């Protein structure tokens, strides 16, 4: 019997894709000759990240339905029939044994089509979704009504999928994310980054903070991932500060995140599920600045889970000032045990076997499907 085939559908954010890559890597580890394919949306970050991870990518032309303009919704509705038709073609060509949706609009047509073709007997595959956040997104709320299994990251999320088989697995992270020794206190290194697209709010907050810490140089360093769109503005800001490259590393995108985490004394970042899962895996203290326009305010709710467990600090973007962050950094330099406490607490959120659990359940589903067909 040939190794089982897997399709991972979704995208739109680096978090969705990186969780999918973690599952794909685990699937390939278990089935070295398996065909693993990704299906994403045209124009999404998946076009960069999936090929870099070494997997084939198929694209659907889509838009958005939730939290957008009436015109965008209309354009999306007009594109949907073509997305479903292409999904039928992809499923028929790839003949997957399992389909996993990781969030994002691309998972909708693919998962719905897979369920339909399976129920009609044209395919023999199981479909499942991974809900990475504490509050399910629009696409997963729709898909959760029909898929066979829902994998959840946060305890309590399963209550929002009544009647479905739900499992609390945690969020899969890349195998390159290893637990790190406690952060070094000298030089104190701030690592600031947004999501895959960058974060203008975090960028502005950090630019406001750095001039207030001049007296700490040269024992203070900054690593700053800006995102593509905001790089020029942020780079110009650092140029005006006359900081040498040895103290201020500014990049559009950092692919080697483990190396940056290893250097960091403190993180300032968003509160998407994949980001939280990664900082739990490496064991780093963080100041979380939730994206204020995330659907259903899910990032703030994610952050609150960590804050309530003593595993992170949180600043609300519209309220946070550079002086606030500067004051916190000064306090943490004086009180390094506060960072160590957060590092120890955040590690409790790490679920090292998340990808293995998901792969195991998807393989069980395949066996069940084969059993019914005999």
Protein backbone atom coordinates (compact mmCIF):
# COMPACT_ATOMS: atom_id res chain seq x y z
CA UNK A 1 0.00 0.00 0.00
CA UNK A 2 1.39 3.41 -0.95
CA UNK A 3 2.09 6.06 1.65
CA UNK A 4 -1.02 8.14 2.41
CA UNK A 5 -1.43 11.52 0.73
CA UNK A 6 -2.17 14.71 2.64
CA UNK A 7 -3.47 18.11 1.56
CA UNK A 8 -3.08 21.07 3.89
CA UNK A 9 -5.39 23.93 2.99
CA UNK A 10 -5.35 27.51 4.21
CA UNK A 11 -3.09 30.49 4.58
CA UNK A 12 -3.33 34.24 4.71
CA UNK A 13 -0.98 34.49 7.68
CA UNK A 14 2.42 33.05 8.45
CA UNK A 15 0.93 31.45 11.55
CA UNK A 16 -1.50 29.36 9.54
CA UNK A 17 1.19 28.22 7.13
CA UNK A 18 3.89 27.46 9.71
CA UNK A 19 1.51 25.25 11.69
CA UNK A 20 0.67 23.47 8.44
CA UNK A 21 4.35 23.01 7.65
CA UNK A 22 4.92 21.49 11.10
CA UNK A 23 2.18 18.92 10.41
CA UNK A 24 3.53 18.29 6.90
CA UNK A 25 7.03 17.67 8.26
CA UNK A 26 5.66 15.20 10.80
CA UNK A 27 3.63 13.43 8.09
CA UNK A 28 6.76 13.11 5.95
CA UNK A 29 8.69 11.81 8.96
CA UNK A 30 6.11 9.07 9.43
CA UNK A 31 5.63 8.43 5.70
CA UNK A 32 8.89 9.34 3.90
CA UNK A 33 7.50 8.74 0.41
CA UNK A 34 4.15 10.46 0.97
CA UNK A 35 2.85 13.21 -1.29
CA UNK A 36 2.04 16.29 0.82
CA UNK A 37 0.53 19.30 -0.96
CA UNK A 38 -0.64 22.74 0.12
CA UNK A 39 -3.59 24.69 -1.23
CA UNK A 40 -3.60 28.44 -0.54
CA UNK A 41 -4.95 31.73 -1.79
CA UNK A 42 -3.41 33.66 -4.64
CA UNK A 43 -1.46 36.64 -3.34
CA UNK A 44 -1.06 35.27 0.19
CA UNK A 45 2.08 34.84 2.28
CA UNK A 46 1.86 31.12 1.50
CA UNK A 47 3.34 31.87 -1.93
CA UNK A 48 6.64 32.64 -0.16
CA UNK A 49 6.62 30.28 2.79
CA UNK A 50 5.35 27.00 1.31
CA UNK A 51 7.92 26.68 -1.53
CA UNK A 52 10.65 27.66 0.93
CA UNK A 53 9.56 24.75 3.14
CA UNK A 54 9.89 22.41 0.17
CA UNK A 55 6.24 21.58 -0.55
CA UNK A 56 4.17 22.02 -3.74
CA UNK A 57 1.51 24.73 -3.60
CA UNK A 58 -1.73 25.07 -5.54
CA UNK A 59 -3.54 28.41 -5.52
CA UNK A 60 -7.19 29.45 -5.48
CA UNK A 61 -8.42 32.91 -6.43
CA UNK A 62 -10.30 34.20 -3.41
CA UNK A 63 -11.15 37.33 -1.45
CA UNK A 64 -12.67 37.84 2.00
CA UNK A 65 -16.15 37.68 3.51
CA UNK A 66 -15.72 38.63 7.17
CA UNK A 67 -14.98 42.17 8.34
CA UNK A 68 -14.61 43.67 4.89
CA UNK A 69 -16.44 45.98 2.48
CA UNK A 70 -19.60 45.08 0.60
CA UNK A 71 -17.70 45.34 -2.71
CA UNK A 72 -15.03 42.90 -1.54
CA UNK A 73 -17.70 40.50 -0.34
CA UNK A 74 -19.44 40.67 -3.73
CA UNK A 75 -16.17 40.01 -5.59
CA UNK A 76 -15.45 37.09 -3.29
CA UNK A 77 -18.89 35.56 -3.83
CA UNK A 78 -18.40 35.82 -7.60
CA UNK A 79 -15.04 34.01 -7.32
CA UNK A 80 -16.32 31.20 -5.12
CA UNK A 81 -17.83 29.00 -7.87
CA UNK A 82 -14.50 28.97 -9.69
CA UNK A 83 -12.68 28.13 -6.43
CA UNK A 84 -15.01 25.18 -5.87
CA UNK A 85 -14.54 23.96 -9.45
CA UNK A 86 -10.76 24.15 -9.10
CA UNK A 87 -11.00 22.38 -5.73
CA UNK A 88 -12.83 19.49 -7.38
CA UNK A 89 -10.05 19.24 -9.96
CA UNK A 90 -7.29 19.34 -7.34
CA UNK A 91 -8.93 16.72 -5.16
CA UNK A 92 -9.55 14.46 -8.13
CA UNK A 93 -5.92 14.84 -9.27
CA UNK A 94 -4.27 14.47 -5.85
CA UNK A 95 -6.67 11.86 -4.37
CA UNK A 96 -5.75 12.66 -0.75
CA UNK A 97 -6.29 10.33 2.17
CA UNK A 98 -6.72 13.31 4.51
CA UNK A 99 -7.34 17.03 4.18
CA UNK A 100 -6.45 19.43 7.00
CA UNK A 101 -7.64 23.03 7.10
CA UNK A 102 -5.33 25.35 9.05
CA UNK A 103 -7.40 28.54 8.79
CA UNK A 104 -7.80 31.19 6.15
CA UNK A 105 -10.26 31.46 3.29
CA UNK A 106 -8.49 28.94 1.04
CA UNK A 107 -9.45 26.13 3.40
CA UNK A 108 -13.18 26.76 2.90
CA UNK A 109 -13.78 25.61 -0.70
CA UNK A 110 -11.23 22.81 -0.45
CA UNK A 111 -12.62 21.30 2.77
CA UNK A 112 -16.26 21.68 1.74
CA UNK A 113 -15.57 20.03 -1.60
CA UNK A 114 -13.63 17.20 0.06
CA UNK A 115 -16.55 16.52 2.40
CA UNK A 116 -19.02 16.53 -0.48
CA UNK A 117 -16.99 14.22 -2.71
CA UNK A 118 -16.37 11.84 0.20
CA UNK A 119 -20.05 11.69 1.13
CA UNK A 120 -20.91 10.89 -2.51
CA UNK A 121 -18.29 8.14 -2.61
CA UNK A 122 -15.99 9.78 -5.15
CA UNK A 123 -13.19 10.18 -2.59
CA UNK A 124 -12.08 8.16 0.40
CA UNK A 125 -10.61 10.80 2.67
CA UNK A 126 -11.28 12.45 5.98
CA UNK A 127 -11.29 16.19 6.62
CA UNK A 128 -10.30 18.03 9.76
CA UNK A 129 -9.49 21.57 10.85
CA UNK A 130 -6.97 23.09 13.23
CA UNK A 131 -8.31 26.00 15.29
CA UNK A 132 -5.25 27.89 16.45
CA UNK A 133 -6.89 30.67 18.43
CA UNK A 134 -9.00 30.88 21.56
CA UNK A 135 -11.85 32.27 19.42
CA UNK A 136 -12.59 30.39 16.16
CA UNK A 137 -12.27 32.38 12.95
CA UNK A 138 -15.04 32.77 10.38
CA UNK A 139 -13.92 29.97 8.06
CA UNK A 140 -13.40 27.47 10.87
CA UNK A 141 -16.77 28.33 12.41
CA UNK A 142 -18.37 27.34 9.11
CA UNK A 143 -16.21 24.26 8.52
CA UNK A 144 -16.52 23.10 12.11
CA UNK A 145 -20.12 22.11 11.45
CA UNK A 146 -19.17 19.39 8.98
CA UNK A 147 -15.59 18.14 9.38
CA UNK A 148 -14.91 14.89 11.21
CA UNK A 149 -12.40 16.30 13.73
CA UNK A 150 -11.50 19.70 15.16
CA UNK A 151 -8.02 20.11 16.66
CA UNK A 152 -7.91 22.94 19.22
CA UNK A 153 -4.96 24.86 20.64
CA UNK A 154 -6.54 26.37 23.75
CA UNK A 155 -8.63 24.51 26.34
CA UNK A 156 -12.21 25.79 26.23
CA UNK A 157 -12.26 26.34 22.46
CA UNK A 158 -13.82 22.90 21.97
CA UNK A 159 -17.05 24.21 23.52
CA UNK A 160 -17.54 26.35 20.43
CA UNK A 161 -17.78 23.26 18.21
CA UNK A 162 -20.73 21.40 19.72
CA UNK A 163 -21.48 18.01 18.31
CA UNK A 164 -18.07 17.54 16.68
CA UNK A 165 -15.15 15.38 17.71
CA UNK A 166 -12.68 17.82 19.28
CA UNK A 167 -9.17 17.26 20.62
CA UNK A 168 -6.95 19.67 22.56
CA UNK A 169 -3.57 19.16 20.88
CA UNK A 170 -1.89 22.54 21.20
CA UNK A 171 -0.56 24.32 18.14
CA UNK A 172 2.11 22.57 16.03
CA UNK A 173 5.43 24.39 15.78
CA UNK A 174 8.42 23.80 13.56
CA UNK A 175 10.88 21.20 14.81
CA UNK A 176 13.62 23.85 14.63
CA UNK A 177 12.03 25.56 17.65
CA UNK A 178 13.99 24.11 20.56
CA UNK A 179 13.83 25.07 24.22
CA UNK A 180 16.54 27.64 24.93
CA UNK A 181 18.67 28.27 28.01
CA UNK A 182 17.61 31.29 30.13
CA UNK A 183 18.09 34.60 28.33
CA UNK A 184 21.32 36.51 28.80
CA UNK A 185 21.09 39.78 30.70
CA UNK A 186 24.08 41.45 29.04
CA UNK A 187 23.81 42.84 26.54
CA UNK A 188 20.06 43.19 27.09
CA UNK A 189 18.58 42.40 23.67
CA UNK A 190 15.06 43.36 22.64
CA UNK A 191 13.65 41.36 19.73
CA UNK A 192 10.67 43.15 18.17
CA UNK A 193 8.58 41.57 15.44
CA UNK A 194 5.05 41.51 14.11
CA UNK A 195 3.36 38.72 12.23
CA UNK A 196 4.36 37.60 8.76
CA UNK A 197 3.26 40.98 7.39
CA UNK A 198 5.00 43.05 10.06
CA UNK A 199 3.21 45.24 12.58
CA UNK A 200 3.06 49.00 12.13
CA UNK A 201 1.82 49.52 15.69
CA UNK A 202 4.72 47.60 17.22
CA UNK A 203 7.18 49.29 14.89
CA UNK A 204 6.00 52.73 15.98
CA UNK A 205 6.03 51.81 19.66
CA UNK A 206 9.60 50.53 19.47
CA UNK A 207 10.81 53.58 17.52
CA UNK A 208 9.29 55.73 20.26
CA UNK A 209 11.00 53.64 22.94
CA UNK A 210 14.59 53.29 21.69
CA UNK A 211 15.62 56.99 22.05
CA UNK A 212 14.53 56.83 25.70
CA UNK A 213 17.14 54.13 26.39
CA UNK A 214 20.23 55.85 25.02
CA UNK A 215 21.92 55.82 28.41
CA UNK A 216 21.90 52.00 28.33
CA UNK A 217 24.13 51.77 25.24
CA UNK A 218 26.31 49.85 24.48
CA UNK A 219 24.80 47.20 26.79
CA UNK A 220 21.46 47.36 24.98
CA UNK A 221 20.75 45.85 21.56
CA UNK A 222 17.72 45.64 19.30
CA UNK A 223 16.72 43.08 16.67
CA UNK A 224 13.77 44.42 14.70
CA UNK A 225 11.75 42.59 12.04
CA UNK A 226 9.71 45.29 10.36
CA UNK A 227 7.75 43.55 7.62
CA UNK A 228 8.01 44.47 3.95
CA UNK A 229 5.71 47.49 3.91
CA UNK A 230 7.16 49.38 6.86
CA UNK A 231 10.85 48.64 6.40
CA UNK A 232 11.87 51.96 4.82
CA UNK A 233 10.22 54.05 7.55
CA UNK A 234 11.68 52.01 10.40
CA UNK A 235 15.15 51.80 8.85
CA UNK A 236 15.16 55.58 8.45
CA UNK A 237 14.19 55.94 12.10
CA UNK A 238 17.20 53.92 13.22
CA UNK A 239 19.48 55.83 10.85
CA UNK A 240 18.47 59.08 12.56
CA UNK A 241 19.45 57.55 15.91
CA UNK A 242 22.98 56.89 14.61
CA UNK A 243 23.02 53.40 16.07
CA UNK A 244 25.79 51.13 14.74
CA UNK A 245 24.75 47.92 12.99
CA UNK A 246 26.17 45.92 15.90
CA UNK A 247 23.49 47.40 18.15
CA UNK A 248 20.52 47.67 15.81
CA UNK A 249 19.72 44.86 13.39
CA UNK A 250 16.77 45.85 11.20
CA UNK A 251 15.34 43.40 8.65
CA UNK A 252 12.18 43.05 6.59
CA UNK A 253 11.77 39.38 7.43
CA UNK A 254 13.83 36.98 9.53
CA UNK A 255 13.69 33.40 8.30
CA UNK A 256 16.05 32.06 10.98
CA UNK A 257 13.79 32.80 13.94
CA UNK A 258 15.45 30.31 16.30
CA UNK A 259 18.71 32.23 16.02
CA UNK A 260 16.96 35.52 16.79
CA UNK A 261 15.09 34.00 19.74
CA UNK A 262 18.38 32.67 21.10
CA UNK A 263 19.85 36.16 21.22
CA UNK A 264 16.80 37.80 22.76
CA UNK A 265 16.43 38.83 26.40
CA UNK A 266 12.86 40.04 25.85
CA UNK A 267 10.38 39.82 22.97
CA UNK A 268 7.80 42.36 21.90
CA UNK A 269 5.35 40.77 19.51
CA UNK A 270 1.77 40.09 18.47
CA UNK A 271 -0.41 37.44 20.10
CA UNK A 272 -1.33 35.19 17.21
CA UNK A 273 -1.48 31.53 18.15
CA UNK A 274 1.63 30.49 16.21
CA UNK A 275 3.68 33.28 17.76
CA UNK A 276 2.53 32.25 21.23
CA UNK A 277 3.27 28.60 20.48
CA UNK A 278 6.77 29.45 19.31
CA UNK A 279 7.65 31.56 22.34
CA UNK A 280 6.33 28.76 24.55
CA UNK A 281 8.51 26.26 22.67
CA UNK A 282 11.69 28.32 23.00
CA UNK A 283 10.82 29.62 26.48
CA UNK A 284 11.18 33.36 26.06
CA UNK A 285 9.57 36.18 28.04
CA UNK A 286 7.45 38.53 25.96
CA UNK A 287 5.49 41.74 25.95
CA UNK A 288 2.40 40.96 23.88
CA UNK A 289 0.81 43.73 21.83
CA UNK A 290 -2.32 42.14 20.32
CA UNK A 291 -3.33 43.19 16.83
CA UNK A 292 -6.33 45.43 17.57
CA UNK A 293 -8.18 44.60 14.34
CA UNK A 294 -7.96 40.80 14.58
CA UNK A 295 -11.31 39.14 13.92
CA UNK A 296 -13.38 38.81 17.09
CA UNK A 297 -10.46 40.43 18.95
CA UNK A 298 -8.99 36.94 19.18
CA UNK A 299 -5.40 38.11 19.69
CA UNK A 300 -6.22 39.98 22.88
CA UNK A 301 -8.13 36.94 24.13
CA UNK A 302 -5.13 34.75 23.29
CA UNK A 303 -2.83 37.14 25.15
CA UNK A 304 -5.09 37.19 28.19
CA UNK A 305 -4.72 33.42 28.53
CA UNK A 306 -0.94 33.85 28.82
CA UNK A 307 -1.10 36.93 31.05
CA UNK A 308 -3.54 35.28 33.46
CA UNK A 309 -1.09 32.39 33.79
CA UNK A 310 1.79 34.74 34.60
CA UNK A 311 3.48 33.80 31.30
CA UNK A 312 3.71 37.22 29.60
CA UNK A 313 3.08 40.94 29.88
CA UNK A 314 0.54 42.71 27.67
CA UNK A 315 0.23 46.23 26.30
CA UNK A 316 -2.84 47.46 24.43
CA UNK A 317 -1.70 49.13 21.22
CA UNK A 318 -3.91 52.23 21.40
CA UNK A 319 -2.86 52.87 25.01
CA UNK A 320 0.83 51.87 25.01
CA UNK A 321 3.48 54.59 25.00
CA UNK A 322 7.20 54.39 24.39
CA UNK A 323 7.79 55.51 27.96
CA UNK A 324 5.77 52.53 29.22
CA UNK A 325 7.94 50.05 27.36
CA UNK A 326 11.14 51.89 28.31
CA UNK A 327 10.16 51.81 31.99
CA UNK A 328 9.44 48.08 31.80
CA UNK A 329 12.79 47.36 30.13
CA UNK A 330 14.65 49.33 32.79
CA UNK A 331 12.83 47.43 35.54
CA UNK A 332 13.62 44.08 33.95
CA UNK A 333 17.30 44.98 33.64
CA UNK A 334 17.31 45.69 37.38
CA UNK A 335 15.20 42.61 38.16
CA UNK A 336 16.30 39.78 35.83
CA UNK A 337 14.44 37.24 38.01
CA UNK A 338 11.17 38.69 36.63
CA UNK A 339 12.18 37.55 33.15
CA UNK A 340 13.18 34.13 34.45
CA UNK A 341 9.75 33.72 36.09
CA UNK A 342 8.01 34.46 32.80
CA UNK A 343 10.30 32.07 30.92
CA UNK A 344 9.42 29.28 33.32
CA UNK A 345 5.69 30.02 33.16
CA UNK A 346 5.47 30.29 29.37
CA UNK A 347 7.07 26.87 28.94
CA UNK A 348 3.99 25.25 30.45
CA UNK A 349 2.06 26.14 27.28
CA UNK A 350 4.40 24.16 25.03
CA UNK A 351 2.84 21.00 23.58
CA UNK A 352 5.76 19.21 21.90
CA UNK A 353 3.64 16.42 20.45
CA UNK A 354 0.93 18.55 18.80
CA UNK A 355 1.93 17.65 15.25
CA UNK A 356 2.33 13.98 16.15
CA UNK A 357 -1.17 13.87 17.66
CA UNK A 358 -2.72 15.45 14.60
CA UNK A 359 -0.95 13.09 12.21
CA UNK A 360 -1.90 10.10 14.34
CA UNK A 361 -5.60 11.02 14.32
CA UNK A 362 -5.62 11.71 10.59
CA UNK A 363 -4.08 8.30 10.00
CA UNK A 364 -6.75 6.71 12.18
CA UNK A 365 -9.36 8.40 10.03
CA UNK A 366 -7.79 6.93 6.92
CA UNK A 367 -7.89 3.43 8.43
CA UNK A 368 -11.55 3.89 9.32
CA UNK A 369 -12.37 4.97 5.77
CA UNK A 370 -10.53 1.95 4.34
CA UNK A 371 -12.33 -0.36 6.76
CA UNK A 372 -15.74 0.85 5.61
CA UNK A 373 -14.83 0.37 1.96
CA UNK A 374 -13.91 -3.30 2.36
